[in-house]
Amino acid sequence: MFGLSELAIILIVVIAVIAVKKGPELVRTAGRSTRILKAEARAAREDRPEGQVIQGEVLRPGAAEGTEQRPGAR
């Protein structure tokens, strides 16, 4: 029978063999994902208008469009 230490050694060897075969593919995939994430974050920052002033009517917080609020009403 195998003891705990022998099973641990066999498990480590199996993981090492699998890592050697699949490791480069996993690293390549992680690199692609990182590049895509950075590109999307950059695009989102560029699309966001900062400091843009739009002329129009002033709405109070919580007021829906098309509804009127009386002064002092909540």
Protein backbone atom coordinates (compact mmCIF):
# COMPACT_ATOMS: atom_id res chain seq x y z
CA MET A 1 0.00 0.00 0.00
CA PHE A 2 0.97 3.56 -0.52
CA GLY A 3 1.43 5.92 2.37
CA LEU A 4 0.51 9.57 2.44
CA SER A 5 4.00 10.73 1.48
CA GLU A 6 4.15 8.42 -1.58
CA LEU A 7 0.75 9.67 -2.79
CA ALA A 8 1.88 13.26 -2.35
CA ILE A 9 5.01 12.63 -4.44
CA ILE A 10 2.97 10.93 -7.18
CA LEU A 11 0.52 13.83 -7.18
CA ILE A 12 3.35 16.38 -7.48
CA VAL A 13 4.87 14.45 -10.42
CA VAL A 14 1.49 14.26 -12.21
CA ILE A 15 0.90 17.98 -11.73
CA ALA A 16 4.40 18.75 -13.03
CA VAL A 17 3.84 16.64 -16.16
CA ILE A 18 0.50 18.31 -16.88
CA ALA A 19 2.00 21.77 -16.24
CA VAL A 20 4.80 21.13 -18.73
CA LYS A 21 2.30 20.19 -21.44
CA LYS A 22 -0.39 22.82 -20.79
CA GLY A 23 1.70 25.59 -19.19
CA PRO A 24 2.70 27.51 -22.32
CA GLU A 25 -0.86 27.42 -23.64
CA LEU A 26 -2.23 28.75 -20.35
CA VAL A 27 0.33 31.55 -20.24
CA ARG A 28 -0.42 32.50 -23.86
CA THR A 29 -4.15 32.60 -23.15
CA ALA A 30 -3.60 34.71 -20.03
CA GLY A 31 -1.49 37.16 -22.05
CA ARG A 32 -4.18 37.53 -24.71
CA SER A 33 -6.83 38.08 -22.05
CA THR A 34 -4.72 40.76 -20.39
CA ARG A 35 -4.18 42.59 -23.68
CA ILE A 36 -7.91 42.51 -24.45
CA LEU A 37 -8.78 43.77 -20.96
CA LYS A 38 -6.30 46.65 -21.24
CA ALA A 39 -7.62 47.62 -24.68
CA GLU A 40 -11.23 47.61 -23.46
CA ALA A 41 -10.34 49.68 -20.39
CA ARG A 42 -8.49 52.20 -22.57
CA ALA A 43 -11.46 52.42 -24.95
CA ALA A 44 -13.88 52.93 -22.05
CA ARG A 45 -11.73 55.78 -20.68
CA GLU A 46 -11.58 57.47 -24.08
CA ASP A 47 -15.36 57.21 -24.63
CA ARG A 48 -16.23 58.84 -21.32
CA PRO A 49 -16.80 62.59 -21.68
CA GLU A 50 -15.08 64.51 -18.89
CA GLY A 51 -15.85 68.12 -18.17
CA GLN A 52 -18.38 68.40 -20.95
CA VAL A 53 -21.07 71.04 -20.37
CA ILE A 54 -24.46 70.44 -21.94
CA GLN A 55 -26.81 73.39 -22.19
CA GLY A 56 -30.38 72.68 -21.19
CA GLU A 57 -32.76 72.73 -18.29
CA VAL A 58 -31.70 71.99 -14.75
CA LEU A 59 -33.31 69.00 -13.07
CA ARG A 60 -33.37 68.52 -9.35
CA PRO A 61 -31.94 65.24 -8.06
CA GLY A 62 -34.59 62.53 -8.06
CA ALA A 63 -36.82 64.34 -10.56
CA ALA A 64 -37.82 62.28 -13.57
CA GLU A 65 -38.01 63.86 -16.98
CA GLY A 66 -41.41 65.29 -17.79
CA THR A 67 -42.46 65.70 -14.16
CA GLU A 68 -42.65 68.97 -12.33
CA GLN A 69 -41.70 69.59 -8.73
CA ARG A 70 -43.09 72.29 -6.57
CA PRO A 71 -40.59 74.33 -4.56
CA GLY A 72 -40.21 72.73 -1.15
CA ALA A 73 -41.77 69.41 -2.27
CA ARG A 74 -39.75 66.24 -2.05
